[in-house]
C-alpha atoms as a PDB file:
ATOM      1  CA  MET A   1       0.000   0.000   0.000  1.00  0.00           C
ATOM      2  CA  LEU A   2       1.232   3.464  -0.888  1.00  0.00           C
ATOM      3  CA  GLU A   3       2.207   5.652   2.046  1.00  0.00           C
ATOM      4  CA  LEU A   4       3.854   9.058   2.445  1.00  0.00           C
ATOM      5  CA  PRO A   5       7.134   8.393   0.595  1.00  0.00           C
ATOM      6  CA  GLU A   6       5.443   6.779  -2.388  1.00  0.00           C
ATOM      7  CA  THR A   7       2.636   9.300  -2.839  1.00  0.00           C
ATOM      8  CA  ASN A   8       5.078  12.204  -2.677  1.00  0.00           C
ATOM      9  CA  PHE A   9       7.432  10.549  -5.150  1.00  0.00           C
ATOM     10  CA  ILE A  10       4.609   9.620  -7.544  1.00  0.00           C
ATOM     11  CA  ALA A  11       3.209  13.166  -7.387  1.00  0.00           C
ATOM     12  CA  GLY A  12       6.603  14.367  -8.597  1.00  0.00           C
ATOM     13  CA  GLN A  13       6.646  11.770 -11.367  1.00  0.00           C
ATOM     14  CA  LEU A  14       3.163  12.812 -12.494  1.00  0.00           C
ATOM     15  CA  THR A  15       4.308  16.403 -12.733  1.00  0.00           C
ATOM     16  CA  LYS A  16       7.148  15.346 -15.039  1.00  0.00           C
ATOM     17  CA  SER A  17       5.146  12.840 -17.110  1.00  0.00           C
ATOM     18  CA  VAL A  18       1.636  14.216 -17.622  1.00  0.00           C
ATOM     19  CA  ARG A  19       1.565  17.898 -16.667  1.00  0.00           C
ATOM     20  CA  LYS A  20       0.311  20.015 -19.596  1.00  0.00           C
ATOM     21  CA  SER A  21      -1.049  16.884 -21.308  1.00  0.00           C
ATOM     22  CA  LYS A  22      -4.544  17.298 -22.786  1.00  0.00           C
ATOM     23  CA  ILE A  23      -7.107  14.633 -21.916  1.00  0.00           C
ATOM     24  CA  SER A  24      -8.687  13.063 -25.007  1.00  0.00           C
ATOM     25  CA  GLY A  25     -10.545  10.128 -23.497  1.00  0.00           C
ATOM     26  CA  VAL A  26     -11.712   8.729 -20.164  1.00  0.00           C
ATOM     27  CA  VAL A  27     -12.839   5.169 -19.367  1.00  0.00           C
ATOM     28  CA  PRO A  28     -14.197   4.881 -15.811  1.00  0.00           C
ATOM     29  CA  ALA A  29     -15.160   1.700 -13.927  1.00  0.00           C
ATOM     30  CA  PHE A  30     -14.164  -0.588 -16.820  1.00  0.00           C
ATOM     31  CA  THR A  31     -13.432  -3.607 -14.611  1.00  0.00           C
ATOM     32  CA  PRO A  32     -15.857  -4.303 -11.736  1.00  0.00           C
ATOM     33  CA  HIS A  33     -14.147  -4.391  -8.357  1.00  0.00           C
ATOM     34  CA  LYS A  34     -16.150  -4.820  -5.143  1.00  0.00           C
ATOM     35  CA  LEU A  35     -13.631  -2.965  -2.971  1.00  0.00           C
ATOM     36  CA  THR A  36     -13.250   0.088  -5.190  1.00  0.00           C
ATOM     37  CA  TRP A  37     -14.795   3.302  -3.931  1.00  0.00           C
ATOM     38  CA  TYR A  38     -15.464   6.032  -6.465  1.00  0.00           C
ATOM     39  CA  PHE A  39     -15.414   9.687  -5.454  1.00  0.00           C
ATOM     40  CA  GLY A  40     -18.180  11.413  -7.349  1.00  0.00           C
ATOM     41  CA  ASP A  41     -20.349   9.835 -10.031  1.00  0.00           C
ATOM     42  CA  ALA A  42     -18.125   7.672 -12.283  1.00  0.00           C
ATOM     43  CA  GLU A  43     -20.418   8.272 -15.257  1.00  0.00           C
ATOM     44  CA  ARG A  44     -19.600  11.993 -15.017  1.00  0.00           C
ATOM     45  CA  TYR A  45     -15.829  11.555 -15.233  1.00  0.00           C
ATOM     46  CA  PRO A  46     -15.612  11.925 -19.047  1.00  0.00           C
ATOM     47  CA  ASP A  47     -17.656  15.135 -18.940  1.00  0.00           C
ATOM     48  CA  LEU A  48     -15.483  16.486 -16.125  1.00  0.00           C
ATOM     49  CA  LEU A  49     -12.158  15.636 -17.753  1.00  0.00           C
ATOM     50  CA  VAL A  50     -12.189  15.321 -21.556  1.00  0.00           C
ATOM     51  CA  GLY A  51     -10.670  18.385 -23.209  1.00  0.00           C
ATOM     52  CA  LYS A  52      -8.971  19.581 -20.034  1.00  0.00           C
ATOM     53  CA  THR A  53      -5.238  19.878 -19.441  1.00  0.00           C
ATOM     54  CA  ILE A  54      -3.405  18.289 -16.535  1.00  0.00           C
ATOM     55  CA  GLY A  55      -2.073  20.761 -14.001  1.00  0.00           C
ATOM     56  CA  LYS A  56      -0.323  20.189 -10.692  1.00  0.00           C
ATOM     57  CA  ALA A  57      -0.101  16.881  -8.839  1.00  0.00           C
ATOM     58  CA  LEU A  58       0.049  16.937  -5.042  1.00  0.00           C
ATOM     59  CA  ALA A  59       0.402  14.376  -2.269  1.00  0.00           C
ATOM     60  CA  TYR A  60      -1.716  14.520   0.868  1.00  0.00           C
ATOM     61  CA  GLY A  61      -0.904  11.681   3.245  1.00  0.00           C
ATOM     62  CA  SER A  62      -1.563   8.434   1.379  1.00  0.00           C
ATOM     63  CA  MET A  63      -3.514  10.215  -1.373  1.00  0.00           C
ATOM     64  CA  VAL A  64      -2.441  11.711  -4.693  1.00  0.00           C
ATOM     65  CA  GLU A  65      -4.409  14.645  -6.087  1.00  0.00           C
ATOM     66  CA  VAL A  66      -4.178  15.594  -9.769  1.00  0.00           C
ATOM     67  CA  HIS A  67      -5.672  18.849 -11.079  1.00  0.00           C
ATOM     68  CA  ALA A  68      -7.252  19.228 -14.523  1.00  0.00           C
ATOM     69  CA  GLY A  69      -8.827  22.643 -14.946  1.00  0.00           C
ATOM     70  CA  ASN A  70     -11.451  22.997 -12.218  1.00  0.00           C
ATOM     71  CA  SER A  71     -11.653  19.211 -11.798  1.00  0.00           C
ATOM     72  CA  ILE A  72      -9.622  17.069  -9.421  1.00  0.00           C
ATOM     73  CA  MET A  73      -8.704  13.415  -9.732  1.00  0.00           C
ATOM     74  CA  LEU A  74      -8.002  11.667  -6.434  1.00  0.00           C
ATOM     75  CA  PHE A  75      -6.266   8.345  -5.827  1.00  0.00           C
ATOM     76  CA  THR A  76      -5.869   6.652  -2.421  1.00  0.00           C
ATOM     77  CA  GLU A  77      -3.264   4.268  -0.998  1.00  0.00           C
ATOM     78  CA  GLY A  78      -4.600   1.084  -2.597  1.00  0.00           C
ATOM     79  CA  VAL A  79      -4.538   2.362  -6.174  1.00  0.00           C
ATOM     80  CA  GLY A  80      -1.707   1.488  -8.531  1.00  0.00           C
ATOM     81  CA  LEU A  81      -1.093   4.362 -10.954  1.00  0.00           C
ATOM     82  CA  ARG A  82       0.829   3.639 -14.169  1.00  0.00           C
ATOM     83  CA  PHE A  83       2.002   5.885 -16.982  1.00  0.00           C
ATOM     84  CA  HIS A  84       1.891   4.411 -20.501  1.00  0.00           C
ATOM     85  CA  ASP A  85       4.054   5.698 -23.336  1.00  0.00           C
ATOM     86  CA  GLN A  86       2.784   6.316 -26.844  1.00  0.00           C
ATOM     87  CA  ASN A  87       1.477   3.124 -28.471  1.00  0.00           C
ATOM     88  CA  ALA A  88       2.286   1.094 -25.346  1.00  0.00           C
ATOM     89  CA  PRO A  89      -0.348  -1.543 -24.508  1.00  0.00           C
ATOM     90  CA  ARG A  90      -2.960  -0.526 -21.940  1.00  0.00           C
ATOM     91  CA  PRO A  91      -3.856  -2.876 -19.081  1.00  0.00           C
ATOM     92  CA  GLN A  92      -6.712  -5.245 -19.853  1.00  0.00           C
ATOM     93  CA  ARG A  93      -8.224  -4.665 -16.430  1.00  0.00           C
ATOM     94  CA  HIS A  94      -8.473  -1.230 -14.833  1.00  0.00           C
ATOM     95  CA  GLN A  95     -10.765   0.968 -12.767  1.00  0.00           C
ATOM     96  CA  LEU A  96      -9.884   4.184 -14.612  1.00  0.00           C
ATOM     97  CA  LEU A  97      -8.043   4.927 -17.861  1.00  0.00           C
ATOM     98  CA  ILE A  98      -7.078   8.437 -18.949  1.00  0.00           C
ATOM     99  CA  GLU A  99      -5.946   8.873 -22.574  1.00  0.00           C
ATOM    100  CA  PHE A 100      -3.991  11.954 -23.666  1.00  0.00           C
ATOM    101  CA  SER A 101      -3.911  13.648 -27.057  1.00  0.00           C
ATOM    102  CA  ASN A 102      -0.169  12.930 -27.427  1.00  0.00           C
ATOM    103  CA  GLY A 103      -0.804   9.171 -27.376  1.00  0.00           C
ATOM    104  CA  THR A 104       0.258   8.537 -23.783  1.00  0.00           C
ATOM    105  CA  ALA A 105      -2.084   7.374 -21.022  1.00  0.00           C
ATOM    106  CA  LEU A 106      -2.526   6.976 -17.283  1.00  0.00           C
ATOM    107  CA  SER A 107      -4.233   3.945 -15.753  1.00  0.00           C
ATOM    108  CA  ALA A 108      -5.471   3.278 -12.242  1.00  0.00           C
ATOM    109  CA  VAL A 109      -5.834  -0.265 -10.943  1.00  0.00           C
ATOM    110  CA  VAL A 110      -7.113  -1.027  -7.459  1.00  0.00           C
ATOM    111  CA  GLN A 111      -5.185  -3.731  -5.650  1.00  0.00           C
ATOM    112  CA  MET A 112      -6.864  -5.130  -2.511  1.00  0.00           C
ATOM    113  CA  TYR A 113      -9.017  -2.063  -1.912  1.00  0.00           C
ATOM    114  CA  GLY A 114      -8.860   1.614  -2.717  1.00  0.00           C
ATOM    115  CA  GLY A 115     -10.630   4.767  -3.749  1.00  0.00           C
ATOM    116  CA  LEU A 116     -10.371   6.913  -6.842  1.00  0.00           C
ATOM    117  CA  GLY A 117     -12.428   9.463  -8.652  1.00  0.00           C
ATOM    118  CA  CYS A 118     -13.047  12.853 -10.105  1.00  0.00           C
ATOM    119  CA  PHE A 119     -14.988  15.844  -8.845  1.00  0.00           C
ATOM    120  CA  ILE A 120     -15.186  19.610  -9.152  1.00  0.00           C
ATOM    121  CA  GLU A 121     -12.725  21.342  -6.841  1.00  0.00           C
ATOM    122  CA  GLY A 122     -14.374  21.959  -3.465  1.00  0.00           C
ATOM    123  CA  GLU A 123     -17.165  19.498  -4.168  1.00  0.00           C
ATOM    124  CA  LEU A 124     -15.921  16.427  -2.257  1.00  0.00           C
ATOM    125  CA  GLU A 125     -16.940  16.021   1.377  1.00  0.00           C
ATOM    126  CA  ASN A 126     -14.719  13.254   2.721  1.00  0.00           C
ATOM    127  CA  PRO A 127     -13.282  13.328   6.271  1.00  0.00           C
ATOM    128  CA  TYR A 128     -10.073  11.435   5.395  1.00  0.00           C
ATOM    129  CA  TYR A 129      -9.348  13.746   2.479  1.00  0.00           C
ATOM    130  CA  LYS A 130     -10.101  16.799   4.614  1.00  0.00           C
ATOM    131  CA  VAL A 131      -7.826  15.731   7.472  1.00  0.00           C
ATOM    132  CA  ALA A 132      -5.013  14.740   5.100  1.00  0.00           C
ATOM    133  CA  LYS A 133      -5.064  18.230   3.589  1.00  0.00           C
ATOM    134  CA  GLU A 134      -5.271  20.009   6.937  1.00  0.00           C
ATOM    135  CA  LYS A 135      -2.590  18.266   8.999  1.00  0.00           C
ATOM    136  CA  PRO A 136       1.083  19.066   8.422  1.00  0.00           C
ATOM    137  CA  SER A 137       3.154  16.480   6.576  1.00  0.00           C
ATOM    138  CA  PRO A 138       6.359  15.197   8.187  1.00  0.00           C
ATOM    139  CA  PHE A 139       8.068  16.539   5.056  1.00  0.00           C
ATOM    140  CA  SER A 140       6.970  20.081   5.960  1.00  0.00           C
ATOM    141  CA  LYS A 141       8.550  22.620   8.296  1.00  0.00           C
ATOM    142  CA  ALA A 142       5.258  22.771  10.213  1.00  0.00           C
ATOM    143  CA  PHE A 143       5.896  19.242  11.473  1.00  0.00           C
ATOM    144  CA  ASP A 144       8.495  20.477  13.942  1.00  0.00           C
ATOM    145  CA  LYS A 145       9.616  19.366  17.401  1.00  0.00           C
ATOM    146  CA  ALA A 146       7.040  21.532  19.150  1.00  0.00           C
ATOM    147  CA  TYR A 147       4.191  20.121  17.044  1.00  0.00           C
ATOM    148  CA  PHE A 148       5.315  16.546  17.687  1.00  0.00           C
ATOM    149  CA  ALA A 149       5.819  17.195  21.407  1.00  0.00           C
ATOM    150  CA  ARG A 150       2.172  18.252  21.675  1.00  0.00           C
ATOM    151  CA  MET A 151       1.091  15.115  19.850  1.00  0.00           C
ATOM    152  CA  VAL A 152       3.140  12.619  21.850  1.00  0.00           C
ATOM    153  CA  GLY A 153       2.460  14.395  25.147  1.00  0.00           C
ATOM    154  CA  ALA A 154      -1.332  14.524  24.833  1.00  0.00           C
ATOM    155  CA  PRO A 155      -3.075  12.789  27.785  1.00  0.00           C
ATOM    156  CA  ASP A 156      -5.422  10.792  25.541  1.00  0.00           C
ATOM    157  CA  VAL A 157      -2.609   8.901  23.776  1.00  0.00           C
ATOM    158  CA  GLN A 158      -0.569   7.761  26.768  1.00  0.00           C
ATOM    159  CA  LYS A 159      -2.261   4.336  26.906  1.00  0.00           C
ATOM    160  CA  LEU A 160      -1.527   3.697  23.239  1.00  0.00           C
ATOM    161  CA  SER A 161       1.324   1.618  21.889  1.00  0.00           C
ATOM    162  CA  ALA A 162       3.877   3.111  19.520  1.00  0.00           C
ATOM    163  CA  LYS A 163       2.178   1.455  16.543  1.00  0.00           C
ATOM    164  CA  ALA A 164      -1.302   2.607  17.560  1.00  0.00           C
ATOM    165  CA  PHE A 165      -0.050   6.156  18.061  1.00  0.00           C
ATOM    166  CA  LEU A 166       1.675   6.371  14.694  1.00  0.00           C
ATOM    167  CA  ALA A 167      -0.705   4.476  12.451  1.00  0.00           C
ATOM    168  CA  THR A 168      -4.278   5.019  13.682  1.00  0.00           C
ATOM    169  CA  GLU A 169      -6.802   7.862  13.775  1.00  0.00           C
ATOM    170  CA  GLN A 170      -4.892   9.745  11.041  1.00  0.00           C
ATOM    171  CA  ARG A 171      -2.668  11.429  13.591  1.00  0.00           C
ATOM    172  CA  ILE A 172      -0.033  11.553  10.871  1.00  0.00           C
ATOM    173  CA  PRO A 173      -1.880  11.048   7.550  1.00  0.00           C
ATOM    174  CA  GLY A 174       0.002   8.730   5.233  1.00  0.00           C
ATOM    175  CA  LEU A 175       2.147   7.172   7.950  1.00  0.00           C
ATOM    176  CA  GLY A 176       0.868   3.610   8.060  1.00  0.00           C
ATOM    177  CA  ASN A 177       1.836   0.108   9.068  1.00  0.00           C
ATOM    178  CA  GLY A 178       4.382  -0.125   6.259  1.00  0.00           C
ATOM    179  CA  VAL A 179       6.721   2.783   6.943  1.00  0.00           C
ATOM    180  CA  LEU A 180       6.365   2.649  10.726  1.00  0.00           C
ATOM    181  CA  GLN A 181       8.396  -0.582  10.901  1.00  0.00           C
ATOM    182  CA  ASP A 182      11.687   1.075   9.928  1.00  0.00           C
ATOM    183  CA  ILE A 183      10.792   4.278  11.770  1.00  0.00           C
ATOM    184  CA  LEU A 184      10.479   2.350  15.032  1.00  0.00           C
ATOM    185  CA  PHE A 185      13.577   0.263  14.328  1.00  0.00           C
ATOM    186  CA  ASN A 186      15.698   3.349  13.716  1.00  0.00           C
ATOM    187  CA  ALA A 187      14.353   4.852  16.941  1.00  0.00           C
ATOM    188  CA  ARG A 188      14.988   1.532  18.753  1.00  0.00           C
ATOM    189  CA  ILE A 189      11.386   1.423  19.987  1.00  0.00           C
ATOM    190  CA  HIS A 190       9.261  -1.748  20.086  1.00  0.00           C
ATOM    191  CA  PRO A 191       5.883  -1.442  18.270  1.00  0.00           C
ATOM    192  CA  ARG A 192       4.058  -2.581  21.427  1.00  0.00           C
ATOM    193  CA  LYS A 193       5.763  -0.118  23.793  1.00  0.00           C
ATOM    194  CA  LYS A 194       3.263   2.210  25.483  1.00  0.00           C
ATOM    195  CA  LEU A 195       3.725   5.946  25.197  1.00  0.00           C
ATOM    196  CA  SER A 196       3.373   6.209  28.971  1.00  0.00           C
ATOM    197  CA  ALA A 197       6.671   4.287  29.198  1.00  0.00           C
ATOM    198  CA  PHE A 198       8.511   6.580  26.772  1.00  0.00           C
ATOM    199  CA  SER A 199      11.476   8.456  28.134  1.00  0.00           C
ATOM    200  CA  THR A 200      12.341  11.943  26.932  1.00  0.00           C
ATOM    201  CA  ALA A 201      15.054  10.319  24.817  1.00  0.00           C
ATOM    202  CA  ASP A 202      12.505   7.943  23.253  1.00  0.00           C
ATOM    203  CA  LYS A 203      10.346  10.863  22.175  1.00  0.00           C
ATOM    204  CA  GLU A 204      13.301  12.727  20.708  1.00  0.00           C
ATOM    205  CA  LYS A 205      14.536   9.629  18.856  1.00  0.00           C
ATOM    206  CA  LEU A 206      11.078   8.907  17.484  1.00  0.00           C
ATOM    207  CA  TYR A 207      10.666  12.431  16.127  1.00  0.00           C
ATOM    208  CA  SER A 208      14.099  12.333  14.541  1.00  0.00           C
ATOM    209  CA  SER A 209      13.435   8.908  13.039  1.00  0.00           C
ATOM    210  CA  ILE A 210      10.088   9.952  11.541  1.00  0.00           C
ATOM    211  CA  LYS A 211      11.778  12.820   9.712  1.00  0.00           C
ATOM    212  CA  SER A 212      14.985  11.054   8.646  1.00  0.00           C
ATOM    213  CA  THR A 213      13.477   7.674   7.729  1.00  0.00           C
ATOM    214  CA  LEU A 214      10.695   9.128   5.599  1.00  0.00           C
ATOM    215  CA  GLU A 215      13.135  11.463   3.863  1.00  0.00           C
ATOM    216  CA  ALA A 216      15.441   8.522   3.086  1.00  0.00           C
ATOM    217  CA  MET A 217      12.521   6.591   1.630  1.00  0.00           C
ATOM    218  CA  LEU A 218      11.457   9.536  -0.520  1.00  0.00           C
ATOM    219  CA  ARG A 219      14.988  10.192  -1.804  1.00  0.00           C
ATOM    220  CA  SER A 220      15.182   6.566  -2.951  1.00  0.00           C
ATOM    221  CA  GLY A 221      11.862   6.639  -4.786  1.00  0.00           C
ATOM    222  CA  GLY A 222       9.850   4.803  -2.142  1.00  0.00           C
ATOM    223  CA  ARG A 223      10.218   1.404  -0.495  1.00  0.00           C
ATOM    224  CA  ASP A 224      11.240  -1.795  -2.259  1.00  0.00           C
ATOM    225  CA  THR A 225       7.847  -3.259  -1.315  1.00  0.00           C
ATOM    226  CA  GLU A 226       6.021  -0.748  -3.562  1.00  0.00           C
ATOM    227  CA  PHE A 227       6.041   0.422  -7.189  1.00  0.00           C
ATOM    228  CA  ASP A 228       6.292   3.856  -8.779  1.00  0.00           C
ATOM    229  CA  LEU A 229       4.437   5.446 -11.702  1.00  0.00           C
ATOM    230  CA  HIS A 230       6.516   3.505 -14.247  1.00  0.00           C
ATOM    231  CA  GLY A 231       6.183   0.119 -12.559  1.00  0.00           C
ATOM    232  CA  ASN A 232       9.623   0.198 -10.931  1.00  0.00           C
ATOM    233  CA  ARG A 233      10.198  -0.934  -7.370  1.00  0.00           C
ATOM    234  CA  GLY A 234      11.248   1.720  -4.911  1.00  0.00           C
ATOM    235  CA  GLY A 235      14.970   1.963  -4.268  1.00  0.00           C
ATOM    236  CA  TYR A 236      14.766   2.114  -0.472  1.00  0.00           C
ATOM    237  CA  LYS A 237      15.750  -1.258   0.985  1.00  0.00           C
ATOM    238  CA  THR A 238      13.459  -1.933   3.911  1.00  0.00           C
ATOM    239  CA  ILE A 239      15.110  -3.022   7.135  1.00  0.00           C
ATOM    240  CA  LEU A 240      11.946  -4.612   8.526  1.00  0.00           C
ATOM    241  CA  SER A 241       9.429  -6.025   6.050  1.00  0.00           C
ATOM    242  CA  LYS A 242       8.193  -9.249   4.463  1.00  0.00           C
ATOM    243  CA  TYR A 243      11.542  -9.369   2.649  1.00  0.00           C
ATOM    244  CA  THR A 244      13.656  -9.397   5.816  1.00  0.00           C
ATOM    245  CA  VAL A 245      11.646 -11.437   8.361  1.00  0.00           C
ATOM    246  CA  GLY A 246      13.642 -14.445   9.497  1.00  0.00           C
ATOM    247  CA  LYS A 247      16.924 -12.801   8.516  1.00  0.00           C
ATOM    248  CA  PRO A 248      19.590 -11.387  10.884  1.00  0.00           C
ATOM    249  CA  CYS A 249      19.136  -7.847  12.168  1.00  0.00           C
ATOM    250  CA  PRO A 250      21.686  -5.618  10.380  1.00  0.00           C
ATOM    251  CA  ALA A 251      22.610  -3.984  13.698  1.00  0.00           C
ATOM    252  CA  CYS A 252      23.031  -6.936  16.072  1.00  0.00           C
ATOM    253  CA  GLY A 253      22.425 -10.174  14.166  1.00  0.00           C
ATOM    254  CA  THR A 254      19.313 -11.189  16.101  1.00  0.00           C
ATOM    255  CA  ILE A 255      16.703 -12.852  13.868  1.00  0.00           C
ATOM    256  CA  ILE A 256      13.958 -10.430  12.785  1.00  0.00           C
ATOM    257  CA  LYS A 257      10.541 -11.491  14.040  1.00  0.00           C
ATOM    258  CA  LYS A 258       7.020 -11.072  12.693  1.00  0.00           C
ATOM    259  CA  GLU A 259       3.858 -10.999  14.815  1.00  0.00           C
ATOM    260  CA  SER A 260       0.214 -10.104  14.320  1.00  0.00           C
ATOM    261  CA  TYR A 261      -0.800  -6.968  16.173  1.00  0.00           C
ATOM    262  CA  LEU A 262      -3.631  -4.444  15.854  1.00  0.00           C
ATOM    263  CA  GLY A 263      -5.083  -5.918  12.690  1.00  0.00           C
ATOM    264  CA  GLY A 264      -1.791  -6.212  10.836  1.00  0.00           C
ATOM    265  CA  SER A 265       1.773  -7.455  11.054  1.00  0.00           C
ATOM    266  CA  ILE A 266       4.660  -5.998  12.999  1.00  0.00           C
ATOM    267  CA  TYR A 267       8.337  -6.718  12.332  1.00  0.00           C
ATOM    268  CA  PHE A 268      10.997  -6.085  14.956  1.00  0.00           C
ATOM    269  CA  CYS A 269      14.345  -7.016  16.435  1.00  0.00           C
ATOM    270  CA  ALA A 270      13.753  -8.224  19.994  1.00  0.00           C
ATOM    271  CA  LYS A 271      17.234  -7.083  21.065  1.00  0.00           C
ATOM    272  CA  CYS A 272      17.408  -3.645  19.423  1.00  0.00           C
ATOM    273  CA  GLN A 273      13.749  -2.908  20.203  1.00  0.00           C
ATOM    274  CA  SER A 274      13.377  -4.531  23.592  1.00  0.00           C
ATOM    275  CA  LEU A 275      10.333  -4.094  25.798  1.00  0.00           C
END
């Protein structure tokens, strides 16, 4: 699933690949998919997009927003976006296909679940979209030590574990179960550790790790568990993921473990991230 590093990287790729491209055709909802959510009426997408020119592409949390005149296309974390060169074959199955007058195209394919769509700017009323646009990104200057100190010091989060704090309730939109694994490893904090047990040093290390780990992932084009706009795997080699479970920890040699926790998997080194 796409998270902060991938959506920000893909937004940059979209700017390079499709900005100023004129939309010549739109095929919405071509392949039925039970776990696809469409923003706006899919039948209206051609009317909202055909003839318009692609403008800026922005990342908000785990969402990518693409402007086309007064219309906005929105893609969430579970959507695989692909750019297709002139005369390149289009995917046989897709939930949205955008054709451009120069012969290139953009397709959107939902993986396990995801949302996509098109609407007039200001028209969509969606709480996740709203919060993602309002809260500061860890890539921004607004996400500073003072902001994080207020978050981690709030009375209502002290009973939460590190994973629950980072990856639930959209406290940090776009920071999910994928990127938190390396964030917590680099901070040497166990995913199950309660915030009430955090030392001042733990809080400082966690803030620093959020900033530095996400920036490293973005610089490398996302994680090696995900794909970019051109179908290439991200260049960031995950320390803790499905690719490294059962292998020695790069810091101490202890075997990396995997456990189920809070509706998903956690990966950790029991020695480096002790409870």
